[in-house]
Structure formats: C-alpha cells, structure tokens
Protein backbone atom coordinates (compact mmCIF):
# COMPACT_ATOMS: atom_id res chain seq x y z
CA MET A 1 21.97 -4.06 6.43
CA MET A 2 25.07 -2.26 5.21
CA GLY A 3 26.12 1.28 6.12
CA ASN A 4 24.62 3.13 3.17
CA GLU A 5 21.35 1.19 3.29
CA LEU A 6 21.10 1.89 7.01
CA LEU A 7 21.71 5.62 6.61
CA PHE A 8 19.34 5.87 3.65
CA SER A 9 16.63 3.95 5.52
CA LEU A 10 17.09 5.93 8.73
CA GLY A 11 16.86 9.17 6.79
CA PHE A 12 13.70 7.94 5.09
CA LEU A 13 12.13 6.82 8.38
CA LEU A 14 13.07 10.11 10.01
CA PHE A 15 11.31 11.89 7.17
CA ILE A 16 8.20 9.74 7.68
CA VAL A 17 8.24 10.34 11.44
CA LEU A 18 8.51 14.09 10.79
CA ILE A 19 5.44 13.99 8.54
CA LEU A 20 3.49 11.97 11.10
CA ALA A 21 4.57 14.31 13.91
CA LEU A 22 3.46 17.35 11.91
CA ASP A 23 0.18 15.62 11.17
CA LEU A 24 -0.39 14.72 14.80
CA GLY A 25 0.78 18.03 16.22
CA LEU A 26 -0.46 20.58 13.72
CA PHE A 27 -3.33 19.05 11.82
CA SER A 28 -4.90 16.72 14.38
CA ARG A 29 -5.02 18.74 17.58
CA LYS A 30 -8.78 18.68 17.46
CA ASP A 31 -10.90 15.83 16.19
CA HIS A 32 -12.80 17.11 13.20
CA VAL A 33 -14.35 15.99 9.97
CA VAL A 34 -11.70 16.26 7.26
CA SER A 35 -13.04 18.42 4.46
CA LEU A 36 -12.77 17.57 0.77
CA LYS A 37 -10.46 20.57 0.31
CA GLN A 38 -8.15 19.48 3.12
CA ALA A 39 -8.10 15.90 1.81
CA GLY A 40 -7.30 17.20 -1.67
CA ILE A 41 -4.40 19.29 -0.40
CA MET A 42 -3.06 16.38 1.66
CA SER A 43 -3.32 14.05 -1.34
CA VAL A 44 -1.47 16.45 -3.63
CA ILE A 45 1.28 16.90 -1.04
CA MET A 46 1.74 13.15 -0.55
CA VAL A 47 1.82 12.44 -4.29
CA ALA A 48 4.25 15.33 -4.78
CA LEU A 49 6.53 13.91 -2.07
CA ALA A 50 6.49 10.50 -3.77
CA ILE A 51 7.33 12.07 -7.13
CA GLY A 52 10.06 14.07 -5.41
CA PHE A 53 11.54 10.86 -4.03
CA TYR A 54 11.44 9.40 -7.55
CA PHE A 55 13.63 12.26 -8.75
CA ILE A 56 15.96 11.79 -5.79
CA LEU A 57 16.47 8.19 -6.90
CA LEU A 58 17.15 9.36 -10.45
CA VAL A 59 19.92 11.61 -9.19
CA GLU A 60 21.23 9.89 -6.06
CA GLY A 61 19.86 6.35 -6.34
CA HIS A 62 23.36 4.86 -6.32
CA GLN A 63 23.82 6.17 -2.78
CA LEU A 64 21.25 3.68 -1.50
CA HIS A 65 23.72 0.80 -1.83
CA GLY A 66 26.85 2.93 -1.87
CA ILE A 67 27.82 2.03 -5.43
CA LYS A 68 31.25 3.42 -6.30
CA ASP A 69 32.57 1.22 -9.08
CA PHE A 70 31.38 -1.00 -11.91
CA ALA A 71 32.06 -4.25 -10.05
CA HIS A 72 29.84 -3.20 -7.15
CA LEU A 73 27.17 -1.98 -9.54
CA GLN A 74 27.15 -5.32 -11.33
CA GLU A 75 26.94 -7.11 -7.98
CA ILE A 76 23.89 -5.07 -6.91
CA VAL A 77 22.18 -5.52 -10.28
CA THR A 78 22.68 -9.28 -10.05
CA LEU A 79 21.65 -9.49 -6.40
CA HIS A 80 18.38 -7.62 -6.90
CA GLN A 81 17.75 -9.03 -10.37
CA HIS A 82 17.42 -5.67 -12.11
CA HIS A 83 16.61 -6.40 -15.74
CA ILE A 84 18.97 -3.89 -17.32
CA LYS A 85 21.98 -4.09 -19.60
CA LEU A 86 25.11 -2.42 -18.30
CA ILE A 87 27.92 -1.01 -20.42
CA PRO A 88 31.17 -2.58 -19.12
CA ASP A 89 33.41 0.14 -20.52
CA ASP A 90 31.30 3.04 -19.29
CA PHE A 91 30.60 3.14 -15.55
CA ASP A 92 28.84 6.54 -15.67
CA ALA A 93 26.45 5.45 -18.41
CA SER A 94 25.77 2.16 -16.62
CA LEU A 95 25.10 4.03 -13.38
CA ALA A 96 22.66 6.32 -15.18
CA ILE A 97 20.83 3.27 -16.57
CA TYR A 98 20.70 1.75 -13.09
CA LYS A 99 19.35 4.91 -11.44
CA GLN A 100 16.73 5.39 -14.13
CA ASN A 101 15.58 1.80 -13.66
CA LEU A 102 15.60 2.18 -9.87
CA GLY A 103 13.39 5.25 -10.09
CA LEU A 104 11.03 3.51 -12.50
CA GLU A 105 10.76 0.48 -10.21
CA PHE A 106 9.90 2.76 -7.31
CA LEU A 107 7.29 4.61 -9.36
CA THR A 108 5.69 1.40 -10.65
CA GLY A 109 5.63 -0.12 -7.16
CA TYR A 110 4.10 3.08 -5.80
CA VAL A 111 1.35 3.06 -8.44
CA ILE A 112 0.57 -0.61 -7.73
CA GLU A 113 0.34 -0.09 -3.98
CA TYR A 114 -1.60 3.15 -4.35
CA ALA A 115 -4.09 1.46 -6.67
CA LEU A 116 -4.53 -1.56 -4.42
CA SER A 117 -5.10 0.82 -1.50
CA VAL A 118 -8.42 1.73 -3.11
CA ASP A 119 -9.74 -1.74 -2.30
CA ASN A 120 -8.53 -1.17 1.25
CA ILE A 121 -10.58 2.03 1.32
CA PHE A 122 -13.69 0.12 0.24
CA VAL A 123 -13.33 -2.14 3.26
CA ILE A 124 -12.44 0.64 5.73
CA VAL A 125 -15.60 2.51 4.71
CA LEU A 126 -17.59 -0.64 5.49
CA ILE A 127 -15.83 -1.02 8.85
CA PHE A 128 -16.58 2.54 9.93
CA SER A 129 -20.17 2.17 8.79
CA ALA A 130 -20.71 -1.21 10.48
CA PHE A 131 -19.33 0.07 13.79
CA ALA A 132 -21.11 3.44 13.52
CA VAL A 133 -17.90 5.43 14.03
CA GLU A 134 -18.40 9.19 14.14
CA GLU A 135 -16.83 10.81 11.10
CA LYS A 136 -14.73 13.18 13.19
CA TYR A 137 -12.82 10.19 14.60
CA TYR A 138 -11.95 8.66 11.22
CA HIS A 139 -8.68 10.56 11.08
CA ARG A 140 -7.56 9.37 14.51
CA VAL A 141 -8.18 5.71 13.70
CA LEU A 142 -6.46 5.97 10.33
CA PHE A 143 -3.46 7.80 11.78
CA TRP A 144 -2.68 5.09 14.32
CA GLY A 145 -3.68 2.42 11.84
CA ILE A 146 -1.11 3.65 9.35
CA LEU A 147 1.57 3.79 12.03
CA GLY A 148 0.98 0.12 12.76
CA ALA A 149 0.87 -0.65 9.04
CA ILE A 150 4.34 0.85 8.53
CA ILE A 151 5.81 -1.48 11.17
CA MET A 152 4.04 -4.53 9.74
CA ARG A 153 5.06 -3.72 6.18
CA PHE A 154 8.69 -3.33 7.21
CA ILE A 155 8.69 -6.83 8.70
CA PHE A 156 6.76 -8.37 5.80
CA ILE A 157 8.94 -6.84 3.11
CA PHE A 158 12.33 -7.79 4.50
CA VAL A 159 11.18 -11.28 5.46
CA GLY A 160 9.75 -11.66 1.95
CA ALA A 161 12.99 -10.43 0.38
CA ALA A 162 15.00 -12.90 2.45
CA LEU A 163 12.73 -15.75 1.35
CA ILE A 164 13.00 -14.77 -2.32
CA THR A 165 16.78 -14.57 -2.07
CA LYS A 166 16.98 -18.01 -0.47
CA PHE A 167 14.15 -19.72 -2.34
CA ALA A 168 13.75 -18.38 -5.88
CA TRP A 169 10.76 -20.67 -6.47
CA ILE A 170 8.71 -18.68 -3.96
CA LEU A 171 8.12 -16.10 -6.70
CA TYR A 172 5.98 -18.68 -8.47
CA VAL A 173 4.01 -19.23 -5.26
CA PHE A 174 3.45 -15.48 -5.00
CA GLY A 175 2.44 -15.35 -8.65
CA ALA A 176 -0.07 -18.17 -8.35
CA PHE A 177 -1.50 -16.59 -5.20
CA LEU A 178 -1.97 -13.23 -6.94
CA VAL A 179 -3.72 -14.85 -9.89
CA PHE A 180 -5.99 -16.71 -7.47
CA THR A 181 -6.69 -13.49 -5.54
CA GLY A 182 -7.44 -11.62 -8.75
CA VAL A 183 -9.89 -14.28 -9.94
CA LYS A 184 -11.50 -14.41 -6.50
CA MET A 185 -11.88 -10.62 -6.45
CA PHE A 186 -13.37 -10.63 -9.95
CA PHE A 187 -16.12 -13.07 -8.97
CA SER A 188 -16.74 -11.62 -5.51
CA LYS A 189 -20.12 -10.04 -4.77
CA GLU A 190 -21.02 -7.03 -2.66
CA GLU A 191 -22.57 -9.34 -0.08
CA ASP A 192 -19.14 -10.89 0.51
CA ASP A 193 -17.81 -7.57 1.83
CA LYS A 194 -20.45 -7.08 4.49
CA ILE A 195 -19.14 -6.82 8.04
CA ASP A 196 -20.87 -8.23 11.09
CA PRO A 197 -19.45 -6.37 14.12
CA GLU A 198 -20.46 -8.97 16.70
CA ASN A 199 -19.15 -11.96 14.78
CA HIS A 200 -16.00 -10.43 13.36
CA PRO A 201 -13.01 -12.67 14.22
CA VAL A 202 -11.00 -9.72 15.58
CA VAL A 203 -13.84 -8.77 17.93
CA LYS A 204 -14.13 -12.36 19.14
CA TRP A 205 -10.37 -12.55 19.68
CA ALA A 206 -10.23 -9.18 21.46
CA SER A 207 -13.12 -10.09 23.76
CA LYS A 208 -11.05 -12.99 25.10
CA ILE A 209 -8.09 -10.75 25.91
CA PHE A 210 -9.52 -7.34 26.79
CA SER A 211 -12.38 -6.05 28.87
CA ILE A 212 -14.56 -4.27 26.34
CA HIS A 213 -16.56 -1.18 27.20
CA PRO A 214 -19.96 -1.36 25.47
CA LYS A 215 -20.05 2.21 24.19
CA TYR A 216 -17.83 4.86 22.62
CA GLU A 217 -16.09 7.34 24.89
CA GLY A 218 -15.26 10.11 22.45
CA LYS A 219 -11.84 9.73 20.85
CA ASN A 220 -10.51 7.42 23.57
CA PHE A 221 -9.23 3.95 22.79
CA PHE A 222 -9.11 3.10 26.49
CA VAL A 223 -11.25 4.03 29.46
CA LYS A 224 -11.09 3.31 33.18
CA ILE A 225 -14.34 2.18 34.79
CA ASN A 226 -14.37 1.41 38.52
CA HIS A 227 -10.56 1.28 38.52
CA LYS A 228 -10.65 -1.24 35.67
CA ARG A 229 -9.03 -0.41 32.34
CA MET A 230 -11.21 -1.29 29.38
CA VAL A 231 -10.94 -0.90 25.62
CA THR A 232 -13.58 1.06 23.76
CA PRO A 233 -15.29 0.09 20.51
CA LEU A 234 -13.02 2.63 18.80
CA PHE A 235 -10.02 0.50 19.77
CA LEU A 236 -11.74 -2.54 18.28
CA VAL A 237 -12.20 -0.59 15.05
CA LEU A 238 -8.47 0.24 15.09
CA LEU A 239 -7.62 -3.44 15.54
CA ILE A 240 -9.87 -4.40 12.64
CA VAL A 241 -8.31 -1.73 10.41
CA GLU A 242 -4.86 -3.11 11.29
CA PHE A 243 -6.04 -6.65 10.61
CA THR A 244 -7.48 -5.55 7.28
CA ASP A 245 -4.19 -3.94 6.29
CA LEU A 246 -2.41 -7.14 7.25
CA LEU A 247 -4.61 -9.06 4.83
CA PHE A 248 -4.08 -6.52 2.07
CA ALA A 249 -0.33 -6.60 2.63
CA VAL A 250 -0.41 -10.29 1.71
CA ASP A 251 -1.59 -9.21 -1.76
CA SER A 252 0.21 -5.94 -2.31
CA ILE A 253 3.72 -6.79 -1.15
CA PRO A 254 4.15 -9.82 -3.43
CA ALA A 255 2.72 -7.67 -6.23
CA ILE A 256 5.54 -5.14 -5.88
CA PHE A 257 8.13 -7.92 -5.76
CA ALA A 258 7.00 -8.63 -9.32
CA VAL A 259 8.46 -5.24 -10.24
CA THR A 260 11.60 -5.13 -8.12
CA LYS A 261 13.50 -7.50 -5.85
CA ASP A 262 15.23 -4.64 -4.04
CA PRO A 263 13.56 -4.69 -0.59
CA TYR A 264 14.38 -1.05 0.03
CA ILE A 265 12.56 0.08 -3.10
CA VAL A 266 9.64 -2.17 -2.17
CA PHE A 267 9.58 -0.61 1.29
CA PHE A 268 9.89 2.98 0.10
CA SER A 269 7.14 2.63 -2.51
CA ASN A 270 4.91 0.82 -0.02
CA ILE A 271 5.27 3.43 2.68
CA PHE A 272 4.69 6.38 0.37
CA ALA A 273 1.48 4.75 -0.83
CA ILE A 274 0.35 3.97 2.73
CA MET A 275 1.06 7.54 3.81
CA GLY A 276 -1.20 8.72 1.00
CA LEU A 277 -3.93 6.23 1.89
CA ARG A 278 -5.40 8.41 4.64
CA SER A 279 -5.83 11.52 2.52
CA MET A 280 -7.11 9.42 -0.39
CA PHE A 281 -9.67 7.87 1.96
CA PHE A 282 -11.14 11.27 2.84
CA LEU A 283 -11.01 12.27 -0.81
CA LEU A 284 -12.92 9.20 -1.99
CA VAL A 285 -15.06 8.23 1.00
CA ASN A 286 -18.20 9.90 -0.35
CA ILE A 287 -17.71 9.11 -4.03
CA ILE A 288 -15.97 5.73 -4.03
CA HIS A 289 -19.25 3.98 -4.85
CA LYS A 290 -19.21 5.75 -8.21
CA PHE A 291 -16.10 3.80 -9.26
CA HIS A 292 -17.84 0.43 -9.26
CA TYR A 293 -15.62 -1.00 -12.00
CA LEU A 294 -12.45 -0.15 -10.10
CA LYS A 295 -12.60 -3.37 -8.13
CA THR A 296 -12.85 -5.29 -11.40
CA GLY A 297 -9.83 -3.36 -12.64
CA LEU A 298 -7.90 -4.25 -9.49
CA ALA A 299 -8.78 -7.90 -10.04
CA PHE A 300 -7.26 -7.72 -13.53
CA LEU A 301 -4.27 -5.84 -12.11
CA LEU A 302 -3.56 -8.57 -9.55
CA ALA A 303 -4.02 -11.28 -12.15
CA PHE A 304 -1.69 -9.49 -14.57
CA ILE A 305 1.02 -9.12 -11.92
CA GLY A 306 0.59 -12.77 -10.95
CA VAL A 307 0.95 -13.90 -14.55
CA LYS A 308 4.00 -11.66 -14.89
CA MET A 309 5.60 -13.35 -11.88
CA LEU A 310 4.79 -16.81 -13.21
CA GLY A 311 6.14 -16.07 -16.67
CA HIS A 312 8.86 -13.56 -15.85
CA THR A 313 11.60 -15.66 -17.48
CA TYR A 314 9.82 -15.70 -20.85
CA LEU A 315 8.69 -12.09 -20.60
CA GLU A 316 12.26 -10.94 -20.02
CA LYS A 317 13.41 -12.84 -23.10
CA TRP A 318 10.70 -11.12 -25.11
CA GLY A 319 11.88 -7.72 -23.88
CA PHE A 320 9.00 -7.01 -21.49
CA THR A 321 10.36 -4.30 -19.20
CA THR A 322 9.27 -2.33 -16.13
CA GLU A 323 8.07 0.43 -18.47
CA HIS A 324 5.70 -2.03 -20.12
CA SER A 325 4.40 -3.13 -16.72
CA LEU A 326 3.73 0.47 -15.73
CA ILE A 327 1.88 1.13 -18.99
CA VAL A 328 -0.31 -1.97 -18.53
CA ILE A 329 -1.06 -1.10 -14.89
CA LEU A 330 -1.97 2.51 -15.67
CA SER A 331 -4.09 1.38 -18.62
CA ILE A 332 -6.07 -1.02 -16.43
CA LEU A 333 -6.71 1.72 -13.87
CA VAL A 334 -7.69 4.35 -16.44
CA ILE A 335 -10.03 1.97 -18.27
CA SER A 336 -11.76 0.91 -15.03
CA ILE A 337 -12.22 4.53 -13.91
CA VAL A 338 -13.49 5.70 -17.31
CA ALA A 339 -15.83 2.70 -17.53
CA SER A 340 -17.22 3.51 -14.08
CA LEU A 341 -17.98 7.09 -15.09
CA ALA A 342 -19.24 6.20 -18.57
CA PHE A 343 -21.50 3.42 -17.34
CA PRO A 344 -22.73 4.45 -13.88
CA LYS A 345 -24.18 1.83 -11.62
CA LYS A 346 -27.95 1.59 -11.80
CA VAL A 347 -29.73 2.31 -8.54
CA ASN A 348 -33.03 0.64 -7.91
CA HIS A 349 -35.46 3.25 -6.63
CA ILE A 350 -38.27 1.98 -4.47
CA LYS A 351 -41.57 3.55 -5.39
CA ASN A 352 -43.94 4.49 -2.63
C-alpha cells in the first residue's frame, strides 16, 4: 500500500470509527427499540454521507493514488482496468474523465452492495425471530456484527484484488459463481430460509468451544456463573449474524469487482453500504415482507452481474459502460419494488 492510498484509507477508517463511536456513545447508551423515525433519520444520514463521498471522489479522486502526471494516470488506469479513454495531450481533461469514472464506480458498487444487503436483512430477521431476541437488543447485535463485518470485508476485498491481479481468469470463476447464485436464489423457496436454532452449524460449532448459558442475560454476551465464564444466547446470535455476513460477502464482493478492479473503491463502497445496513434493517424490519419480489430482483441482479463478468471483453467492445450497468441495476430494483407493491402477496386467511 503506497503513501497516498494509506493516508486515504486511514482517513476513511478514522471517519468510520468516529461514526461508530458516536453511535455507541450517543445513540446506544441505553438499549431501546429503534423507532421508524430514528431509523429513517439514520438511513438518510448514511445515504447522504455516501453521496458526499461520491462528490469527494469527483473532486479529489486523483488523491487516492497520488496521481500527478499523465504517465502515472495511465499506469493506474491500466492497473485497475478502468474502461475509459484518456486524452494523451490533455492531462487535466483525462484526469477529469478518470475522477468521474471513479465516482461512478463507487456509486454503482454502493448501489449493488446496498441492494444485496436487503437479502441479508431477510435472513437477519429470521435469525432474531428464531432465537427470540428482544427487539431492544437488535441494535446491539447489529452494531458489533457490523464492526466484525468491516474487518472481514477488508480482508476479503484485498485478497480478492490480489487474486484478480495475479490470476485474471478468476473473474470468470466469480462470474460463473454469481450466475449460479442468482439462479439458485430465483428457484429458492421460503422453506429454504428457515432457521433451526438447535441444529444451526454455528451453534454446534460454538457448543464445542464455549460453555453456553441456556438463557438470555439482558444485553450481555458473556456471563459468569459459579466463577465460570459462559456465553449467552445473544452471543450465539452475534456469531450467526457474522457467519451470515461472511456468506453474503462471498456474493457481494465479487459482484462489485464486476464494476471496478480498484480494491479501494470496492472497500469504500462496501463499507458505506454495510454502515447503512443497520438503519435500513430497522426501517424495513416490519415491512420487508411486502417486497416479496425483491428477492427475485436480486436473483436477476446477481445473474446480470455474473453474465457481465463472463462476457466483459465483448461488452466493452460493444461500448457497455459502468453507466449502463448502473441503469440496469437500478431498473431491476425499481421493477421488483414496483411489482411487489402492485401485486401484493396473497395471504391465506384461516376461517374459524
């Protein structure tokens, strides 16, 4: 990691830590049920911050890699496979093109990750329900879950970037995997998402390592009984949430690599989306069932991104750009949301 990348990344991480610290210190002093209003405000703030970062990239994006001349710009564009045409005789114009593309890649990656987070929310709702977690402790679990997710994503992204740089063919593996995942999601049934607390693999694994207390002890992840430290069911829920995010990262991170090969942009877009996941969870937790076609839309989204990765060489020749990808992705999401509202899911009422 070079000097500029290090400084940019440290500044970004410091910003994230500041947000988490404010959240933990100001907004989470007492465990409480997050209201719809509070979730809405948090969601707007997180989206606004992401959009703000997009504009920072538009203005100062060249600072990320410390680009100072045309030769270095060309080197970065080649290294990260940005599909843009530079103007050899005009460094300023070329830099503007690069920064605009960088911002667009971030925005597209952010939308992809944010959209795929909805499927994560579906599963988290099922986890909380299956383990009978009190609603006032949702925020605590999600806070620490997101902290762990940031660390895991950082490792995943930079390992993935290193693999792509060394083995270009791995993009085709990612593409095929995303198509497979999309098809699998499309044909999945509600029964497939059910969670059995006692037989969950994470619970079985944890029971071999930790002493598990049989009941909840308020907000505590750990408890000491007869001088013996034990983990509570709330800690098991946290582990399962982390495990779930790990599984979702396997889908979402390759998906963003279809948009940009710059690991820093992948990381930034990923983290902004993850930071917004918590507030989006509280915003959607009680109405997410209304968007029953959203999962179908996400299946198409994954399949589209997978196909894009598999056929990126041909698509580039045909002039298929990041803008086109963003339009397709947004169209899929809008259509699935509108379809969900226009054709609500029928509920079978049992007559007495």
